Amino acid sequence: MTETTDKQTLAAEPSDYVQLLKPRVMSLVVFTALTGLVVAPGEMNPLLAAISVLCIALGAGAAGALNMALEGDTDALMRRTRGRPVAAGRVPRGDALAYGAILSVASVTLLGLGVNWLAGGLLGLTIVYYAGLYTLVLKRRTPQNIVIGGAAGAFPPVIGWAAATGEAPWQAWLLFLIIFLWTPPHSWALALYSAGDYAKAGIPMMPVARGARSTRLQILLYSLVLVPVAVLPGLVGLGGPIYLATSIGGGLVFLLLAWRLFRSRAGDQPDKAEAVGREAALYDVRAEAKSARNLFAYSILYLFGLFAALLIETALL
């Protein structure tokens, strides 16, 4: 056994395998999937609902583990991701791949056999889409990577709805569309003040491939489409007055932040030379990039608020 392998084996901790699951991403996936499950018509057996949520969580974690395994080399070049278990050498790439593959098979099989195969098939499609199409094909080849690949993160409410009803009607796909349109402004806002990292890693994110000014314009344009679409559930009976108030009020703030970002110089200057730790990499930015940071941070709250409003209204019925 090589010295490197020994260090990897000795350094690996249970927390590293939890980190491989990308728990922060997983929490948003579970939340949006739970929303789809709860707002779907009819009542679902509580045990089957719990199995569904568990399987979706494991499937999201599996996709995260596969992504980290496949991107270990590029993650090591970026300050935001270089502390990840594979990039830092704490977990061997092969172990992460096996871990992700086992969780993938287990989650899809259990969801298919225990609940229904439409939900199981959609979960399997999401894992393959994210780990295969996005990670291996799109991310390194096109600045539209996050647009096309964003579909993977938009599937959870459809999976939840399918688990509850065995169907995936247009209302579920409306929730899909909201997340799909939300992903580019959210991700490109982060990319605007992480462009140096992406350039170093050879990843053609929009600010690297098209420049900061073009990226700011595209963020604004996507935001102008996203906000009206996000209001639609309140107009078609999927959401009620709480949702309408949240989507309109939250959407206006989103547009204001997108406009301020468009008018700013965020991304025009290189990244800061160094930042220590994940939180610093996410939020410690130059003064001119604060508008990008603000939109990035608010976008998470905005999406959470939309789906929380749907859950609250369903619970009050």
Protein backbone atom coordinates (compact mmCIF):
# COMPACT_ATOMS: atom_id res chain seq x y z
CA MET A 1 0.00 0.00 0.00
CA THR A 2 1.37 3.43 -0.94
CA GLU A 3 2.09 6.20 1.55
CA THR A 4 -0.72 8.29 0.03
CA THR A 5 -3.23 5.49 0.44
CA ASP A 6 -2.16 4.98 4.07
CA LYS A 7 -2.75 8.65 4.79
CA GLN A 8 -6.11 8.53 3.12
CA THR A 9 -7.20 5.51 5.11
CA LEU A 10 -5.97 6.91 8.42
CA ALA A 11 -7.43 10.37 7.81
CA ALA A 12 -10.93 9.25 6.82
CA GLU A 13 -13.58 9.90 9.48
CA PRO A 14 -17.30 9.10 9.56
CA SER A 15 -17.93 12.82 9.10
CA ASP A 16 -16.14 12.64 5.73
CA TYR A 17 -18.70 10.15 4.47
CA VAL A 18 -21.47 12.42 5.69
CA GLN A 19 -19.84 15.32 3.86
CA LEU A 20 -19.75 13.25 0.68
CA LEU A 21 -23.54 13.34 0.71
CA LYS A 22 -23.51 17.17 0.41
CA PRO A 23 -25.90 17.57 3.37
CA ARG A 24 -26.73 21.21 2.63
CA VAL A 25 -27.78 20.39 -0.92
CA MET A 26 -29.55 17.29 0.35
CA SER A 27 -31.60 19.34 2.81
CA LEU A 28 -32.95 21.57 0.02
CA VAL A 29 -33.68 18.53 -2.14
CA VAL A 30 -35.58 16.84 0.68
CA PHE A 31 -37.52 20.01 1.47
CA THR A 32 -38.69 20.56 -2.11
CA ALA A 33 -39.47 16.86 -2.54
CA LEU A 34 -41.48 16.88 0.69
CA THR A 35 -43.42 19.86 -0.61
CA GLY A 36 -44.33 18.01 -3.78
CA LEU A 37 -45.40 15.00 -1.72
CA VAL A 38 -47.53 17.02 0.71
CA VAL A 39 -49.28 19.33 -1.77
CA ALA A 40 -50.19 16.45 -4.10
CA PRO A 41 -53.90 15.56 -3.87
CA GLY A 42 -55.06 12.73 -1.64
CA GLU A 43 -53.53 11.23 1.47
CA MET A 44 -50.45 9.04 1.61
CA ASN A 45 -49.69 6.31 4.10
CA PRO A 46 -47.29 7.87 6.66
CA LEU A 47 -44.89 4.92 6.47
CA LEU A 48 -44.73 5.11 2.69
CA ALA A 49 -44.24 8.86 2.92
CA ALA A 50 -41.33 8.36 5.32
CA ILE A 51 -39.80 5.74 3.02
CA SER A 52 -40.16 8.12 0.08
CA VAL A 53 -38.43 11.00 1.86
CA LEU A 54 -35.64 8.69 3.07
CA CYS A 55 -35.06 7.31 -0.43
CA ILE A 56 -35.01 10.76 -2.00
CA ALA A 57 -32.52 11.91 0.64
CA LEU A 58 -30.28 8.90 0.01
CA GLY A 59 -30.55 9.39 -3.75
CA ALA A 60 -29.56 13.04 -3.43
CA GLY A 61 -26.64 12.03 -1.24
CA ALA A 62 -25.61 9.35 -3.70
CA ALA A 63 -25.52 11.90 -6.52
CA GLY A 64 -23.41 14.19 -4.35
CA ALA A 65 -20.94 11.41 -3.54
CA LEU A 66 -20.60 10.46 -7.21
CA ASN A 67 -20.11 14.11 -8.12
CA MET A 68 -17.32 14.55 -5.54
CA ALA A 69 -15.65 11.34 -6.65
CA LEU A 70 -15.66 12.36 -10.30
CA GLU A 71 -14.58 15.95 -9.61
CA GLY A 72 -11.90 15.35 -7.01
CA ASP A 73 -9.10 16.70 -9.19
CA THR A 74 -10.90 19.92 -10.12
CA ASP A 75 -12.30 20.40 -6.61
CA ALA A 76 -8.71 20.39 -5.32
CA LEU A 77 -7.96 23.46 -7.45
CA MET A 78 -10.76 25.60 -6.04
CA ARG A 79 -10.64 27.19 -2.60
CA ARG A 80 -14.39 26.71 -2.07
CA THR A 81 -14.16 22.95 -2.66
CA ARG A 82 -10.59 21.91 -1.89
CA GLY A 83 -11.54 20.80 1.62
CA ARG A 84 -13.97 18.18 0.34
CA PRO A 85 -13.10 14.59 1.34
CA VAL A 86 -11.91 13.34 -2.06
CA ALA A 87 -10.21 16.59 -3.09
CA ALA A 88 -8.34 16.75 0.24
CA GLY A 89 -7.28 13.10 -0.05
CA ARG A 90 -9.15 11.87 3.02
CA VAL A 91 -11.41 9.50 1.07
CA PRO A 92 -10.07 7.56 -1.96
CA ARG A 93 -11.88 8.23 -5.22
CA GLY A 94 -12.79 4.56 -5.64
CA ASP A 95 -14.36 4.42 -2.19
CA ALA A 96 -16.46 7.50 -2.93
CA LEU A 97 -17.60 6.00 -6.23
CA ALA A 98 -18.58 2.72 -4.57
CA TYR A 99 -20.35 4.58 -1.78
CA GLY A 100 -22.36 6.64 -4.27
CA ALA A 101 -23.17 3.65 -6.46
CA ILE A 102 -24.41 1.53 -3.55
CA LEU A 103 -26.60 4.34 -2.23
CA SER A 104 -27.93 4.97 -5.75
CA VAL A 105 -29.01 1.37 -6.29
CA ALA A 106 -30.42 1.05 -2.78
CA SER A 107 -32.45 4.28 -2.88
CA VAL A 108 -33.92 3.71 -6.35
CA THR A 109 -34.74 0.04 -5.68
CA LEU A 110 -36.37 0.72 -2.30
CA LEU A 111 -38.42 3.62 -3.67
CA GLY A 112 -39.50 1.59 -6.69
CA LEU A 113 -40.42 -1.57 -4.78
CA GLY A 114 -41.75 0.10 -1.67
CA VAL A 115 -43.69 2.99 -3.18
CA ASN A 116 -43.97 3.03 -6.99
CA TRP A 117 -41.69 2.76 -9.99
CA LEU A 118 -42.56 6.14 -11.47
CA ALA A 119 -41.02 7.79 -8.43
CA GLY A 120 -38.16 5.29 -8.43
CA GLY A 121 -37.48 5.82 -12.11
CA LEU A 122 -37.48 9.61 -11.74
CA LEU A 123 -35.04 9.33 -8.83
CA GLY A 124 -32.76 7.12 -10.91
CA LEU A 125 -32.98 9.55 -13.82
CA THR A 126 -32.03 12.43 -11.52
CA ILE A 127 -28.93 10.64 -10.23
CA VAL A 128 -27.76 9.69 -13.72
CA TYR A 129 -28.54 13.18 -15.02
CA TYR A 130 -26.52 14.91 -12.29
CA ALA A 131 -23.58 12.52 -11.95
CA GLY A 132 -23.41 11.56 -15.60
CA LEU A 133 -24.71 14.23 -17.95
CA TYR A 134 -23.95 17.30 -15.82
CA THR A 135 -20.73 16.25 -14.08
CA LEU A 136 -19.03 14.28 -16.85
CA VAL A 137 -20.35 15.95 -20.01
CA LEU A 138 -21.78 19.43 -19.53
CA LYS A 139 -19.77 21.03 -16.75
CA ARG A 140 -16.44 21.11 -18.57
CA ARG A 141 -17.77 21.66 -22.08
CA THR A 142 -20.32 24.47 -22.15
CA PRO A 143 -21.12 27.68 -20.26
CA GLN A 144 -24.74 26.50 -20.39
CA ASN A 145 -23.79 23.67 -18.03
CA ILE A 146 -25.81 25.00 -15.11
CA VAL A 147 -28.85 25.75 -17.31
CA ILE A 148 -29.13 22.25 -18.78
CA GLY A 149 -27.76 20.50 -15.72
CA GLY A 150 -30.08 22.47 -13.45
CA ALA A 151 -32.87 20.09 -14.35
CA ALA A 152 -31.34 17.56 -11.96
CA GLY A 153 -32.01 19.82 -9.00
CA ALA A 154 -35.53 20.59 -10.21
CA PHE A 155 -36.80 16.98 -10.20
CA PRO A 156 -37.35 16.47 -6.41
CA PRO A 157 -40.88 17.98 -6.16
CA VAL A 158 -41.91 15.88 -9.17
CA ILE A 159 -40.49 12.78 -7.48
CA GLY A 160 -42.35 13.62 -4.28
CA TRP A 161 -45.61 14.15 -6.17
CA ALA A 162 -45.13 10.88 -8.06
CA ALA A 163 -44.46 9.04 -4.80
CA ALA A 164 -47.73 10.33 -3.34
CA THR A 165 -49.99 9.76 -6.34
CA GLY A 166 -48.19 7.56 -8.87
CA GLU A 167 -48.55 10.41 -11.36
CA ALA A 168 -46.60 13.48 -12.46
CA PRO A 169 -49.18 16.05 -13.66
CA TRP A 170 -48.52 19.55 -14.94
CA GLN A 171 -48.79 21.04 -11.45
CA ALA A 172 -45.74 19.03 -10.39
CA TRP A 173 -43.86 20.22 -13.47
CA LEU A 174 -44.74 23.81 -12.59
CA LEU A 175 -42.79 23.33 -9.35
CA PHE A 176 -40.01 21.80 -11.45
CA LEU A 177 -39.99 24.89 -13.68
CA ILE A 178 -39.62 27.25 -10.74
CA ILE A 179 -36.46 25.50 -9.52
CA PHE A 180 -35.16 25.15 -13.08
CA LEU A 181 -35.44 28.91 -13.69
CA TRP A 182 -34.09 29.72 -10.22
CA THR A 183 -30.88 27.74 -10.68
CA PRO A 184 -29.02 29.99 -13.19
CA PRO A 185 -29.40 33.27 -11.23
CA HIS A 186 -28.51 31.47 -8.02
CA SER A 187 -25.46 29.66 -9.43
CA TRP A 188 -24.16 32.48 -11.63
CA ALA A 189 -24.30 34.95 -8.74
CA LEU A 190 -21.88 32.66 -6.89
CA ALA A 191 -19.82 32.17 -10.04
CA LEU A 192 -19.38 35.92 -10.47
CA TYR A 193 -17.20 36.12 -7.38
CA SER A 194 -15.65 32.65 -7.82
CA ALA A 195 -14.67 33.04 -11.48
CA GLY A 196 -10.96 32.80 -10.75
CA ASP A 197 -11.47 29.40 -9.15
CA TYR A 198 -13.47 28.13 -12.10
CA ALA A 199 -10.91 29.44 -14.59
CA LYS A 200 -8.10 27.74 -12.68
CA ALA A 201 -10.01 24.46 -12.74
CA GLY A 202 -10.81 24.78 -16.46
CA ILE A 203 -14.57 24.95 -15.92
CA PRO A 204 -16.31 27.26 -18.43
CA MET A 205 -18.84 28.81 -16.08
CA MET A 206 -20.64 31.76 -17.61
CA PRO A 207 -18.41 34.52 -16.14
CA VAL A 208 -15.32 32.69 -17.40
CA ALA A 209 -16.65 31.98 -20.88
CA ARG A 210 -18.76 35.07 -21.57
CA GLY A 211 -17.51 37.63 -19.06
CA ALA A 212 -19.01 39.29 -16.01
CA ARG A 213 -21.13 41.85 -17.85
CA SER A 214 -22.88 39.23 -19.98
CA THR A 215 -23.44 37.08 -16.89
CA ARG A 216 -25.03 39.94 -14.97
CA LEU A 217 -27.39 40.59 -17.89
CA GLN A 218 -28.38 36.93 -18.12
CA ILE A 219 -29.02 36.80 -14.37
CA LEU A 220 -31.40 39.75 -14.74
CA LEU A 221 -33.18 38.20 -17.73
CA TYR A 222 -33.65 34.86 -15.98
CA SER A 223 -34.92 36.70 -12.90
CA LEU A 224 -37.49 38.57 -15.00
CA VAL A 225 -38.84 35.21 -16.19
CA LEU A 226 -38.52 33.39 -12.87
CA VAL A 227 -40.50 35.79 -10.70
CA PRO A 228 -43.76 35.75 -12.75
CA VAL A 229 -43.55 31.97 -13.15
CA ALA A 230 -43.08 31.62 -9.38
CA VAL A 231 -46.38 33.49 -8.86
CA LEU A 232 -48.34 31.05 -11.05
CA PRO A 233 -49.01 28.38 -8.36
CA GLY A 234 -51.01 31.03 -6.49
CA LEU A 235 -53.10 31.71 -9.59
CA VAL A 236 -53.88 28.12 -10.57
CA GLY A 237 -55.05 26.83 -7.20
CA LEU A 238 -51.84 25.13 -6.13
CA GLY A 239 -51.13 27.93 -3.64
CA GLY A 240 -53.38 30.38 -1.84
CA PRO A 241 -53.10 33.88 -0.36
CA ILE A 242 -50.06 33.07 1.78
CA TYR A 243 -48.24 31.77 -1.26
CA LEU A 244 -49.32 34.72 -3.38
CA ALA A 245 -48.06 37.21 -0.82
CA THR A 246 -44.78 35.34 -0.43
CA SER A 247 -44.17 34.93 -4.14
CA ILE A 248 -45.02 38.53 -5.04
CA GLY A 249 -43.22 40.17 -2.13
CA GLY A 250 -40.24 37.83 -2.31
CA GLY A 251 -40.13 38.14 -6.08
CA LEU A 252 -39.97 41.93 -5.97
CA VAL A 253 -36.99 41.73 -3.62
CA PHE A 254 -35.37 39.18 -5.93
CA LEU A 255 -35.80 41.52 -8.90
CA LEU A 256 -34.41 44.46 -6.94
CA LEU A 257 -31.29 42.49 -6.02
CA ALA A 258 -30.92 41.24 -9.60
CA TRP A 259 -31.20 44.82 -10.88
CA ARG A 260 -28.58 46.03 -8.41
CA LEU A 261 -26.31 43.20 -9.49
CA PHE A 262 -26.82 44.10 -13.15
CA ARG A 263 -25.87 47.71 -12.42
CA SER A 264 -22.83 46.71 -10.37
CA ARG A 265 -19.28 45.74 -11.32
CA ALA A 266 -19.48 42.33 -9.66
CA GLY A 267 -17.09 39.91 -11.32
CA ASP A 268 -15.10 42.58 -13.16
CA GLN A 269 -12.12 42.18 -10.81
CA PRO A 270 -10.28 38.92 -10.08
CA ASP A 271 -11.18 36.93 -6.99
CA LYS A 272 -9.47 37.66 -3.70
CA ALA A 273 -6.15 35.86 -3.56
CA GLU A 274 -7.05 33.68 -0.62
CA ALA A 275 -9.99 32.85 1.60
CA VAL A 276 -9.88 30.42 4.47
CA GLY A 277 -12.67 27.90 4.88
CA ARG A 278 -15.88 27.21 3.03
CA GLU A 279 -17.88 30.05 4.55
CA ALA A 280 -15.17 32.56 3.68
CA ALA A 281 -15.14 31.33 0.11
CA LEU A 282 -18.90 31.73 -0.13
CA TYR A 283 -19.36 35.10 1.54
CA ASP A 284 -16.00 36.92 1.97
CA VAL A 285 -15.94 39.00 -1.19
CA ARG A 286 -14.67 42.28 -2.59
CA ALA A 287 -16.86 45.33 -2.01
CA GLU A 288 -17.89 45.50 -5.67
CA ALA A 289 -18.99 41.84 -5.57
CA LYS A 290 -21.34 42.21 -2.61
CA SER A 291 -24.35 42.57 -4.89
CA ALA A 292 -23.59 39.10 -6.29
CA ARG A 293 -23.16 37.69 -2.80
CA ASN A 294 -26.43 39.29 -1.68
CA LEU A 295 -28.41 37.78 -4.54
CA PHE A 296 -26.81 34.38 -4.00
CA ALA A 297 -27.67 34.38 -0.29
CA TYR A 298 -31.18 35.77 -0.80
CA SER A 299 -31.99 33.30 -3.58
CA ILE A 300 -31.77 30.44 -1.08
CA LEU A 301 -34.17 32.19 1.27
CA TYR A 302 -36.49 33.02 -1.63
CA LEU A 303 -36.81 29.43 -2.83
CA PHE A 304 -37.23 28.18 0.72
CA GLY A 305 -39.96 30.75 1.31
CA LEU A 306 -41.91 29.73 -1.80
CA PHE A 307 -42.01 26.05 -0.89
CA ALA A 308 -42.54 26.75 2.82
CA ALA A 309 -45.62 28.81 1.92
CA LEU A 310 -47.06 25.87 -0.01
CA LEU A 311 -46.43 23.54 2.94
CA ILE A 312 -47.97 25.95 5.45
CA GLU A 313 -51.11 26.46 3.39
CA THR A 314 -51.54 22.72 2.90
CA ALA A 315 -51.14 22.17 6.65
CA LEU A 316 -53.79 24.82 7.40
CA LEU A 317 -56.41 23.31 5.09
